[in-house]
Amino acid sequence: MDRLKALNSTAQVRPIVRGEGVGVEEVLFPPRSLRILHPGVHLHAHAQVVVLPGEASLGDLEAWLKGVLLLHGSRLLRGKGVVRLREAPKPLVFHLVLGHLELGFAEARDSLNRLVFIGEGLDRRSLEEGARRVFGGAT
């Protein structure tokens, strides 16, 4: 395990015995799927912005972000946001790039959650509905 972490310290490592502990969706649709762009190919990426009040639990937020990755796959180029968690006195900042999620804390500006997802053909409605479920607010 130490040798594996030495190769890539940010890689997620999960012990799996006889297929137990991993979902079929993760194997068939890995969130880190990459798309090779050739010279002269242009992306038609758009930002989907969701702003809403409320607080989420860290577990619910993580589960929803993983679902966003599975739903949108390689079409999701980047996600970022400042969100309120029930468990934390300061807002959580997240940055999502190609399936890699980074978390940190920020100083409070106000009580709103701000999430931005950048990609091609992202389903704005599902992003808004999912955020409403997680944060218990309205857009």
Protein backbone atom coordinates (compact mmCIF):
# COMPACT_ATOMS: atom_id res chain seq x y z
CA MET A 1 0.00 0.00 0.00
CA ASP A 2 2.86 2.40 0.80
CA ARG A 3 4.43 1.83 -2.63
CA LEU A 4 1.13 2.64 -4.30
CA LYS A 5 0.75 5.88 -2.32
CA ALA A 6 4.33 6.82 -3.23
CA LEU A 7 3.38 6.62 -6.92
CA ASN A 8 0.30 8.82 -6.56
CA SER A 9 -0.44 10.24 -3.12
CA THR A 10 -3.78 11.71 -4.22
CA ALA A 11 -5.19 8.48 -5.69
CA GLN A 12 -8.16 6.93 -3.95
CA VAL A 13 -7.27 3.45 -2.67
CA ARG A 14 -9.98 1.06 -1.54
CA PRO A 15 -9.44 -2.58 -0.62
CA ILE A 16 -11.74 -4.83 -2.63
CA VAL A 17 -12.27 -8.51 -1.89
CA ARG A 18 -14.11 -10.66 -4.45
CA GLY A 19 -15.71 -7.59 -6.01
CA GLU A 20 -17.20 -6.40 -2.71
CA GLY A 21 -16.84 -2.67 -2.03
CA VAL A 22 -17.11 -1.27 -5.54
CA GLY A 23 -20.22 -0.36 -7.49
CA VAL A 24 -20.84 -1.52 -11.04
CA GLU A 25 -21.23 2.14 -12.12
CA GLU A 26 -17.71 2.96 -10.94
CA VAL A 27 -16.23 0.18 -13.05
CA LEU A 28 -18.30 0.87 -16.16
CA PHE A 29 -18.22 4.68 -15.92
CA PRO A 30 -15.11 5.76 -14.02
CA PRO A 31 -15.30 9.44 -13.01
CA ARG A 32 -11.73 10.08 -14.14
CA SER A 33 -12.34 9.28 -17.78
CA LEU A 34 -10.35 11.65 -19.96
CA ARG A 35 -11.07 12.89 -23.43
CA ILE A 36 -8.21 13.60 -25.81
CA LEU A 37 -8.61 16.86 -27.72
CA HIS A 38 -6.89 17.18 -31.05
CA PRO A 39 -5.42 20.46 -32.36
CA GLY A 40 -8.11 22.70 -33.79
CA VAL A 41 -10.94 21.06 -31.81
CA HIS A 42 -12.88 23.61 -29.75
CA LEU A 43 -14.92 22.90 -26.67
CA HIS A 44 -18.40 24.29 -26.38
CA ALA A 45 -18.33 24.49 -22.60
CA HIS A 46 -20.80 26.49 -20.57
CA ALA A 47 -21.00 27.35 -16.89
CA GLN A 48 -24.03 26.28 -14.88
CA VAL A 49 -24.32 28.39 -11.74
CA VAL A 50 -26.46 27.46 -8.73
CA VAL A 51 -26.91 29.90 -5.82
CA LEU A 52 -29.12 28.93 -2.89
CA PRO A 53 -29.43 29.17 0.90
CA GLY A 54 -29.22 26.30 3.34
CA GLU A 55 -26.72 23.89 4.85
CA ALA A 56 -25.68 20.37 3.89
CA SER A 57 -24.04 17.52 5.71
CA LEU A 58 -20.58 16.64 4.43
CA GLY A 59 -21.73 13.09 3.64
CA ASP A 60 -24.70 14.29 1.57
CA LEU A 61 -22.53 16.80 -0.30
CA GLU A 62 -19.87 14.20 -1.12
CA ALA A 63 -22.46 11.67 -2.28
CA TRP A 64 -24.15 14.25 -4.50
CA LEU A 65 -20.86 15.44 -6.04
CA LYS A 66 -19.94 11.82 -6.83
CA GLY A 67 -23.34 11.44 -8.48
CA VAL A 68 -22.72 14.59 -10.53
CA LEU A 69 -19.44 13.04 -11.70
CA LEU A 70 -21.16 9.79 -12.67
CA LEU A 71 -24.02 11.56 -14.46
CA HIS A 72 -21.90 14.00 -16.46
CA GLY A 73 -18.66 12.02 -16.81
CA SER A 74 -16.01 13.55 -19.05
CA ARG A 75 -18.40 16.35 -20.09
CA LEU A 76 -17.82 17.93 -16.66
CA LEU A 77 -14.55 19.82 -16.97
CA ARG A 78 -14.57 21.67 -13.68
CA GLY A 79 -16.68 22.33 -10.61
CA LYS A 80 -16.09 24.76 -7.81
CA GLY A 81 -18.02 26.30 -5.01
CA VAL A 82 -18.33 27.77 -1.57
CA VAL A 83 -20.90 25.92 0.53
CA ARG A 84 -22.24 25.79 4.07
CA LEU A 85 -21.93 22.60 6.10
CA ARG A 86 -23.81 21.77 9.28
CA GLU A 87 -20.63 20.34 10.78
CA ALA A 88 -18.35 23.34 10.11
CA PRO A 89 -18.31 26.93 11.40
CA LYS A 90 -16.66 28.18 8.19
CA PRO A 91 -17.82 27.68 4.60
CA LEU A 92 -16.29 24.78 2.70
CA VAL A 93 -14.56 25.48 -0.61
CA PHE A 94 -14.49 22.68 -3.15
CA HIS A 95 -12.65 22.40 -6.45
CA LEU A 96 -13.35 19.53 -8.81
CA VAL A 97 -11.21 18.88 -11.88
CA LEU A 98 -11.34 15.66 -13.95
CA GLY A 99 -12.74 13.63 -11.07
CA HIS A 100 -10.28 14.95 -8.48
CA LEU A 101 -11.92 16.71 -5.54
CA GLU A 102 -10.08 19.20 -3.30
CA LEU A 103 -11.61 20.64 -0.14
CA GLY A 104 -10.68 23.56 2.10
CA PHE A 105 -12.25 26.26 4.25
CA ALA A 106 -12.85 29.96 3.61
CA GLU A 107 -13.95 33.01 5.54
CA ALA A 108 -17.67 33.71 5.48
CA ARG A 109 -18.94 36.31 2.98
CA ASP A 110 -22.63 35.62 3.43
CA SER A 111 -24.92 32.66 4.06
CA LEU A 112 -25.47 31.60 0.43
CA ASN A 113 -24.06 28.51 -1.26
CA ARG A 114 -22.46 29.18 -4.64
CA LEU A 115 -21.72 26.29 -7.00
CA VAL A 116 -20.35 26.50 -10.54
CA PHE A 117 -20.09 23.56 -12.94
CA ILE A 118 -18.31 24.02 -16.27
CA GLY A 119 -18.65 21.58 -19.13
CA GLU A 120 -20.41 20.54 -22.31
CA GLY A 121 -24.09 19.60 -22.29
CA LEU A 122 -24.49 19.70 -18.52
CA ASP A 123 -28.04 19.18 -17.30
CA ARG A 124 -28.80 22.42 -15.45
CA ARG A 125 -32.11 21.16 -14.14
CA SER A 126 -30.61 18.07 -12.50
CA LEU A 127 -27.83 20.19 -10.96
CA GLU A 128 -30.35 22.62 -9.47
CA GLU A 129 -32.68 19.87 -8.22
CA GLY A 130 -29.80 17.94 -6.69
CA ALA A 131 -28.45 21.04 -4.95
CA ARG A 132 -31.94 21.81 -3.57
CA ARG A 133 -32.17 18.29 -2.12
CA VAL A 134 -28.70 18.49 -0.56
CA PHE A 135 -29.02 22.02 0.88
CA GLY A 136 -32.74 22.07 1.58
CA GLY A 137 -33.16 25.48 -0.09
CA ALA A 138 -34.70 26.90 -3.25
CA THR A 139 -32.94 28.36 -6.25
